[in-house]
Amino acid sequence: MEKKKLWIYVAIAYGVTALMSIAMFIGFKKQYDITSFVNVQMMYPACGVILGKLITREDDGKLPIAGYVTVLITTAVLMLMAILSVVVHIEPLEIAGATIDIWSMISQFPLIIGSLVCYILFWTCGKDKRENAGIEHHNIKLGVIMVAVFIALFIGRCMISVFLEDYMSGTDESLQLVLAALSNPMTWITLVVLPINFIMSFIAFFGEEYGWRYYLQPVMQKRFGKRAGILLLGLVWAVWHIGVDFMFYAKEYGLQAFVCQMITCVAIAIFFGYAYMKTNNIWVPMIMHYLNNNLAAILGGGGNSALQNQVIEWKTVPVVAASYVMFFLFILAPVYRKSVATDETV
């Protein structure tokens, strides 16, 4: 039964990603905006877990079926819109000097609706169903501390990155970029509304974390041990991003982006895994993932434009590695020394 669930997970998380990458590649070659493909890809890991539970009839009647179905329907709608963005191309709009892709904008509506509906269903389904599905809110106070530690580490990582980039280039370009973002009133308005925006987009981050942390992390750690399991999880997580690296994040620097992605995913997997094992609360890495993506976009100038078409040279790779040193150190935490079999509280 466990092997069947694993194969279902792999087929959805990786198989669907590979198939959709074909359509994404067509859009990429036509120089269309492929943001809608990137957004829906975040949903596949959770769909793999959900379908595995439903197909194997695990704990029938004790799962948040309505919430699960909402995730699946939202994913299907977003997949359809992503494919339509390639088949039925609509020229982007130019508003106030900004280019707005129509399909990317339209796809935000099912994402918002799905997030709100799913959020409510998960909160109202009952403690037993949430517990059985692994979405109960355990150790909330510790979870808040973990999120605060992550924010501190994120700021530290940014400071190290900015210092090293400017030192290597002999300029203060990176620092000026951050200062420009911080001096922009929209930056602070966006920061204030981040908690509200989480509720309206959480389903995407649930999509990844429910697959990677809730499901695959325990599977990998049971098979390879806590430390090796989490390191391998980071690597397979990075490989899952390969299409996005070459076609979205850095079109002209795909290989460099992929190498940086491996460093980033392993480092983040270590800390997210640490936080999840300490709290046994999937909402903690979910919130961290949300903050990581949004804060990076905000400090980079705001929106997906800060994440697309990045210039990532080989000299950037050691900078990225150095900036994540504090995250890597958590692999030495005592929780990673405990055996899987005897660690009852995870």
Protein backbone atom coordinates (compact mmCIF):
# COMPACT_ATOMS: atom_id res chain seq x y z
CA MET A 1 0.00 0.00 0.00
CA GLU A 2 2.82 2.41 0.87
CA LYS A 3 4.60 1.62 -2.40
CA LYS A 4 1.38 2.21 -4.32
CA LYS A 5 0.95 5.60 -2.65
CA LEU A 6 4.57 6.47 -3.43
CA TRP A 7 4.17 5.59 -7.11
CA ILE A 8 1.00 7.69 -7.30
CA TYR A 9 2.87 10.58 -5.73
CA VAL A 10 5.78 10.28 -8.16
CA ALA A 11 3.43 9.97 -11.14
CA ILE A 12 1.61 13.18 -10.21
CA ALA A 13 4.38 15.32 -8.71
CA TYR A 14 6.94 14.45 -11.39
CA GLY A 15 4.94 12.89 -14.22
CA VAL A 16 2.41 15.69 -14.55
CA THR A 17 5.18 18.25 -14.13
CA ALA A 18 7.08 16.66 -17.03
CA LEU A 19 3.99 16.55 -19.28
CA MET A 20 3.05 20.14 -18.51
CA SER A 21 6.65 21.16 -19.17
CA ILE A 22 6.10 20.20 -22.81
CA ALA A 23 3.31 22.76 -23.13
CA MET A 24 5.37 25.22 -21.10
CA PHE A 25 8.27 24.73 -23.51
CA ILE A 26 5.99 25.55 -26.46
CA GLY A 27 4.97 28.78 -24.75
CA PHE A 28 8.61 29.47 -23.91
CA LYS A 29 9.70 29.07 -27.54
CA LYS A 30 6.91 31.40 -28.64
CA GLN A 31 8.11 33.90 -26.02
CA TYR A 32 4.77 33.86 -24.18
CA ASP A 33 4.49 34.58 -20.47
CA ILE A 34 4.53 31.16 -18.73
CA THR A 35 3.80 32.34 -15.19
CA SER A 36 0.54 30.36 -15.13
CA PHE A 37 2.53 27.13 -15.62
CA VAL A 38 4.86 28.03 -12.75
CA ASN A 39 1.94 28.75 -10.43
CA VAL A 40 0.06 25.52 -11.08
CA GLN A 41 3.22 23.41 -10.79
CA MET A 42 3.25 24.20 -7.07
CA MET A 43 -0.01 22.26 -6.73
CA TYR A 44 1.13 18.90 -8.12
CA PRO A 45 2.92 17.50 -5.03
CA ALA A 46 -0.17 17.90 -2.83
CA CYS A 47 -2.36 16.38 -5.54
CA GLY A 48 -0.06 13.36 -5.55
CA VAL A 49 -0.51 12.93 -1.80
CA ILE A 50 -4.27 13.48 -1.93
CA LEU A 51 -4.86 11.06 -4.80
CA GLY A 52 -2.68 8.49 -3.06
CA LYS A 53 -4.85 8.73 0.05
CA LEU A 54 -8.12 8.64 -1.89
CA ILE A 55 -7.19 5.86 -4.32
CA THR A 56 -5.86 3.57 -1.59
CA ARG A 57 -8.96 4.40 0.53
CA GLU A 58 -6.77 5.29 3.50
CA ASP A 59 -8.93 6.09 6.56
CA ASP A 60 -12.06 6.39 4.47
CA GLY A 61 -14.46 8.90 5.99
CA LYS A 62 -11.84 10.41 8.30
CA LEU A 63 -10.24 12.79 5.84
CA PRO A 64 -11.17 16.38 4.85
CA ILE A 65 -12.62 15.18 1.55
CA ALA A 66 -14.24 18.52 0.66
CA GLY A 67 -10.93 20.35 1.14
CA TYR A 68 -9.07 17.68 -0.83
CA VAL A 69 -11.54 17.92 -3.71
CA THR A 70 -11.18 21.70 -3.70
CA VAL A 71 -7.41 21.32 -4.14
CA LEU A 72 -7.88 18.89 -7.03
CA ILE A 73 -10.49 21.02 -8.79
CA THR A 74 -8.43 24.20 -8.38
CA THR A 75 -5.40 22.42 -9.82
CA ALA A 76 -7.40 21.14 -12.81
CA VAL A 77 -8.74 24.62 -13.56
CA LEU A 78 -5.28 26.18 -13.30
CA MET A 79 -3.83 23.48 -15.57
CA LEU A 80 -6.52 24.18 -18.16
CA MET A 81 -5.79 27.90 -18.04
CA ALA A 82 -2.06 27.29 -18.40
CA ILE A 83 -2.61 25.16 -21.51
CA LEU A 84 -5.07 27.71 -22.94
CA SER A 85 -2.44 30.43 -22.47
CA VAL A 86 -0.39 28.64 -25.14
CA VAL A 87 -3.25 27.52 -27.41
CA VAL A 88 -5.28 30.74 -27.28
CA HIS A 89 -2.70 33.49 -27.04
CA ILE A 90 -3.85 36.93 -25.88
CA GLU A 91 -1.52 39.86 -26.29
CA PRO A 92 -0.48 41.33 -22.91
CA LEU A 93 -1.70 44.71 -21.76
CA GLU A 94 0.54 47.72 -21.29
CA ILE A 95 -0.63 49.71 -18.28
CA ALA A 96 1.41 52.55 -16.81
CA GLY A 97 4.57 51.16 -18.34
CA ALA A 98 3.97 47.68 -16.92
CA THR A 99 3.27 44.58 -19.02
CA ILE A 100 0.40 42.47 -17.70
CA ASP A 101 -0.17 38.97 -19.06
CA ILE A 102 -3.91 38.31 -19.40
CA TRP A 103 -3.84 34.57 -18.67
CA SER A 104 -1.62 35.03 -15.63
CA MET A 105 -4.02 37.65 -14.34
CA ILE A 106 -7.11 35.50 -15.00
CA SER A 107 -5.52 32.48 -13.31
CA GLN A 108 -5.33 34.46 -10.07
CA PHE A 109 -9.11 34.21 -9.66
CA PRO A 110 -9.38 30.40 -9.30
CA LEU A 111 -6.24 30.50 -7.14
CA ILE A 112 -7.83 33.03 -4.77
CA ILE A 113 -11.24 31.32 -4.73
CA GLY A 114 -9.68 27.88 -4.24
CA SER A 115 -7.49 29.19 -1.41
CA LEU A 116 -10.38 30.83 0.45
CA VAL A 117 -12.71 27.83 0.07
CA CYS A 118 -10.01 25.32 0.99
CA TYR A 119 -8.86 27.38 3.96
CA ILE A 120 -12.40 27.49 5.36
CA LEU A 121 -12.99 23.79 4.72
CA PHE A 122 -9.76 22.80 6.45
CA TRP A 123 -10.64 24.94 9.48
CA THR A 124 -14.20 23.60 9.77
CA CYS A 125 -13.72 19.92 8.93
CA GLY A 126 -13.12 18.92 12.54
CA LYS A 127 -10.02 18.15 14.59
CA ASP A 128 -10.08 14.39 13.89
CA LYS A 129 -10.01 14.89 10.12
CA ARG A 130 -7.32 17.55 10.35
CA GLU A 131 -5.25 15.29 12.60
CA ASN A 132 -5.64 12.35 10.26
CA ALA A 133 -4.71 14.48 7.26
CA GLY A 134 -1.69 16.02 8.97
CA ILE A 135 -3.00 19.59 8.87
CA GLU A 136 -3.76 20.13 12.56
CA HIS A 137 -2.22 23.22 14.19
CA HIS A 138 0.24 21.70 16.67
CA ASN A 139 2.70 23.64 18.85
CA ILE A 140 1.52 27.06 17.73
CA LYS A 141 3.78 29.06 20.07
CA LEU A 142 6.85 27.13 18.98
CA GLY A 143 5.70 27.54 15.40
CA VAL A 144 5.61 31.32 15.79
CA ILE A 145 9.16 31.23 17.16
CA MET A 146 10.29 29.11 14.23
CA VAL A 147 8.79 31.56 11.73
CA ALA A 148 10.51 34.44 13.54
CA VAL A 149 13.84 32.58 13.39
CA PHE A 150 13.32 31.98 9.69
CA ILE A 151 12.69 35.70 9.06
CA ALA A 152 15.90 36.53 10.94
CA LEU A 153 17.82 33.96 8.90
CA PHE A 154 16.28 35.28 5.69
CA ILE A 155 17.41 38.84 6.51
CA GLY A 156 20.86 37.55 7.42
CA ARG A 157 21.07 35.64 4.14
CA CYS A 158 20.13 38.76 2.18
CA MET A 159 22.73 40.86 4.00
CA ILE A 160 25.48 38.32 3.30
CA SER A 161 24.45 38.06 -0.34
CA VAL A 162 24.36 41.84 -0.83
CA PHE A 163 27.74 42.32 0.87
CA LEU A 164 29.45 39.59 -1.18
CA GLU A 165 27.92 40.65 -4.50
CA ASP A 166 28.96 44.27 -4.02
CA TYR A 167 32.40 43.27 -2.78
CA MET A 168 33.03 41.10 -5.84
CA SER A 169 31.73 43.72 -8.28
CA GLY A 170 33.37 46.67 -6.57
CA THR A 171 30.08 48.58 -6.58
CA ASP A 172 27.12 49.09 -4.28
CA GLU A 173 24.56 48.06 -6.91
CA SER A 174 22.97 45.27 -4.85
CA LEU A 175 22.72 47.45 -1.77
CA GLN A 176 21.12 50.26 -3.77
CA LEU A 177 18.56 47.82 -5.17
CA VAL A 178 17.53 46.77 -1.67
CA LEU A 179 17.49 50.36 -0.41
CA ALA A 180 15.34 51.39 -3.36
CA ALA A 181 12.86 48.64 -2.52
CA LEU A 182 12.79 49.65 1.16
CA SER A 183 12.26 53.31 0.30
CA ASN A 184 9.27 52.47 -1.88
CA PRO A 185 5.97 52.97 0.05
CA MET A 186 4.43 50.05 -1.88
CA THR A 187 7.00 47.75 -0.31
CA TRP A 188 5.73 48.53 3.19
CA ILE A 189 2.09 48.35 2.11
CA THR A 190 2.78 44.91 0.62
CA LEU A 191 4.50 43.78 3.83
CA VAL A 192 1.51 44.88 5.91
CA VAL A 193 -0.97 42.93 3.78
CA LEU A 194 1.17 39.78 3.58
CA PRO A 195 -0.90 37.95 6.27
CA ILE A 196 -4.12 38.62 4.32
CA ASN A 197 -2.54 37.63 1.04
CA PHE A 198 -1.46 34.33 2.59
CA ILE A 199 -5.09 33.28 3.06
CA MET A 200 -5.82 34.18 -0.56
CA SER A 201 -2.90 32.21 -1.99
CA PHE A 202 -2.05 29.59 0.63
CA ILE A 203 -3.29 26.69 -1.52
CA ALA A 204 -0.19 27.00 -3.73
CA PHE A 205 2.18 26.74 -0.75
CA PHE A 206 0.08 23.96 0.72
CA GLY A 207 0.56 22.34 -2.68
CA GLU A 208 4.31 22.13 -2.23
CA GLU A 209 4.70 21.68 1.51
CA TYR A 210 2.04 18.99 1.82
CA GLY A 211 3.98 17.03 -0.78
CA TRP A 212 7.57 17.69 0.25
CA ARG A 213 7.46 18.09 4.03
CA TYR A 214 4.32 16.23 5.14
CA TYR A 215 4.63 13.24 2.81
CA LEU A 216 8.04 12.82 1.18
CA GLN A 217 10.25 13.95 4.07
CA PRO A 218 9.16 11.12 6.42
CA VAL A 219 9.39 8.61 3.54
CA MET A 220 12.95 9.68 2.68
CA GLN A 221 14.07 9.81 6.30
CA LYS A 222 12.63 6.40 7.08
CA ARG A 223 14.52 4.93 4.14
CA PHE A 224 17.84 6.82 4.34
CA GLY A 225 17.98 8.23 7.86
CA LYS A 226 17.16 11.73 9.05
CA ARG A 227 20.21 13.55 7.74
CA ALA A 228 20.75 11.72 4.47
CA GLY A 229 17.00 11.67 3.90
CA ILE A 230 16.65 15.43 4.23
CA LEU A 231 19.66 16.08 1.98
CA LEU A 232 18.28 13.77 -0.71
CA LEU A 233 14.88 15.43 -0.34
CA GLY A 234 16.51 18.79 -1.08
CA LEU A 235 18.11 17.37 -4.22
CA VAL A 236 14.94 15.77 -5.62
CA TRP A 237 13.09 19.00 -4.80
CA ALA A 238 15.68 20.92 -6.83
CA VAL A 239 15.38 18.52 -9.79
CA TRP A 240 11.62 19.10 -9.76
CA HIS A 241 12.37 22.81 -10.48
CA ILE A 242 14.60 22.16 -13.50
CA GLY A 243 12.08 23.22 -16.15
CA VAL A 244 11.27 26.42 -14.27
CA ASP A 245 14.97 27.19 -13.87
CA PHE A 246 15.68 26.98 -17.60
CA MET A 247 12.46 28.55 -18.88
CA PHE A 248 11.37 31.04 -16.23
CA TYR A 249 13.90 32.07 -13.57
CA ALA A 250 16.93 32.45 -15.84
CA LYS A 251 16.30 31.79 -19.52
CA GLU A 252 19.86 32.58 -20.58
CA TYR A 253 21.50 31.15 -17.46
CA GLY A 254 19.55 27.94 -16.91
CA LEU A 255 22.46 25.75 -15.81
CA GLN A 256 23.70 28.31 -13.30
CA ALA A 257 20.13 28.74 -12.02
CA PHE A 258 19.80 24.98 -11.57
CA VAL A 259 23.05 24.75 -9.59
CA CYS A 260 21.90 27.61 -7.38
CA GLN A 261 18.53 25.89 -7.08
CA MET A 262 20.20 22.74 -5.73
CA ILE A 263 22.05 24.76 -3.09
CA THR A 264 18.90 26.67 -2.17
CA CYS A 265 16.61 23.64 -2.00
CA VAL A 266 19.00 21.60 0.14
CA ALA A 267 19.55 24.50 2.55
CA ILE A 268 15.84 25.33 2.75
CA ALA A 269 14.92 21.64 3.09
CA ILE A 270 17.24 21.39 6.10
CA PHE A 271 15.64 24.29 7.94
CA PHE A 272 12.06 23.61 6.86
CA GLY A 273 12.57 19.97 7.80
CA TYR A 274 13.99 21.00 11.17
CA ALA A 275 11.00 23.27 11.85
CA TYR A 276 8.53 20.60 10.79
CA MET A 277 10.12 17.93 12.99
CA LYS A 278 10.16 20.29 15.98
CA THR A 279 6.54 21.43 15.61
CA ASN A 280 4.84 18.57 13.73
CA ASN A 281 2.84 21.40 12.15
CA ILE A 282 2.78 21.60 8.34
CA TRP A 283 1.48 25.17 8.53
CA VAL A 284 4.88 26.32 9.82
CA PRO A 285 6.93 25.41 6.69
CA MET A 286 3.94 26.49 4.60
CA ILE A 287 4.12 30.02 6.06
CA MET A 288 7.91 30.03 5.75
CA HIS A 289 7.69 29.05 2.08
CA TYR A 290 5.17 31.83 1.49
CA LEU A 291 7.38 34.40 3.21
CA ASN A 292 10.50 33.22 1.39
CA ASN A 293 8.95 33.61 -2.06
CA ASN A 294 7.20 36.89 -1.36
CA LEU A 295 10.00 38.62 0.54
CA ALA A 296 12.45 37.69 -2.22
CA ALA A 297 10.13 39.24 -4.81
CA ILE A 298 9.54 42.36 -2.70
CA LEU A 299 13.22 43.04 -2.01
CA GLY A 300 14.02 42.32 -5.66
CA GLY A 301 11.70 45.04 -6.88
CA GLY A 302 8.29 43.47 -6.45
CA GLY A 303 6.17 40.91 -8.28
CA ASN A 304 7.14 38.06 -10.59
CA SER A 305 9.23 40.47 -12.65
CA ALA A 306 11.82 40.26 -9.88
CA LEU A 307 12.00 36.49 -10.25
CA GLN A 308 11.89 36.10 -14.04
CA ASN A 309 14.81 36.33 -16.46
CA GLN A 310 17.45 36.68 -13.77
CA VAL A 311 21.10 37.12 -14.65
CA ILE A 312 22.90 34.35 -12.76
CA GLU A 313 26.58 34.06 -13.57
CA TRP A 314 28.91 31.35 -12.28
CA LYS A 315 30.44 33.78 -9.82
CA THR A 316 27.00 33.98 -8.19
CA VAL A 317 27.10 30.29 -7.18
CA PRO A 318 29.62 30.65 -4.30
CA VAL A 319 27.73 33.75 -3.13
CA VAL A 320 24.52 31.75 -2.92
CA ALA A 321 26.30 28.92 -1.08
CA ALA A 322 27.87 31.33 1.42
CA SER A 323 24.58 33.14 2.05
CA TYR A 324 22.93 29.87 3.09
CA VAL A 325 25.62 28.77 5.55
CA MET A 326 23.37 29.54 8.55
CA PHE A 327 20.65 27.31 7.10
CA PHE A 328 23.08 24.45 6.43
CA LEU A 329 24.25 24.51 10.06
CA PHE A 330 20.86 23.24 11.23
CA ILE A 331 21.78 19.80 9.88
CA LEU A 332 23.84 19.55 13.10
CA ALA A 333 20.75 20.08 15.28
CA PRO A 334 20.06 17.30 17.84
CA VAL A 335 16.72 16.50 16.19
CA TYR A 336 18.63 15.22 13.15
CA ARG A 337 20.61 12.84 15.37
CA LYS A 338 17.57 11.04 16.71
CA SER A 339 16.55 7.84 14.97
CA VAL A 340 13.24 7.82 13.14
CA ALA A 341 11.99 4.82 15.08
CA THR A 342 12.52 6.28 18.56
CA ASP A 343 11.56 9.89 17.89
CA GLU A 344 7.92 9.72 18.95
CA THR A 345 7.18 13.44 18.79
CA VAL A 346 9.12 13.94 15.52
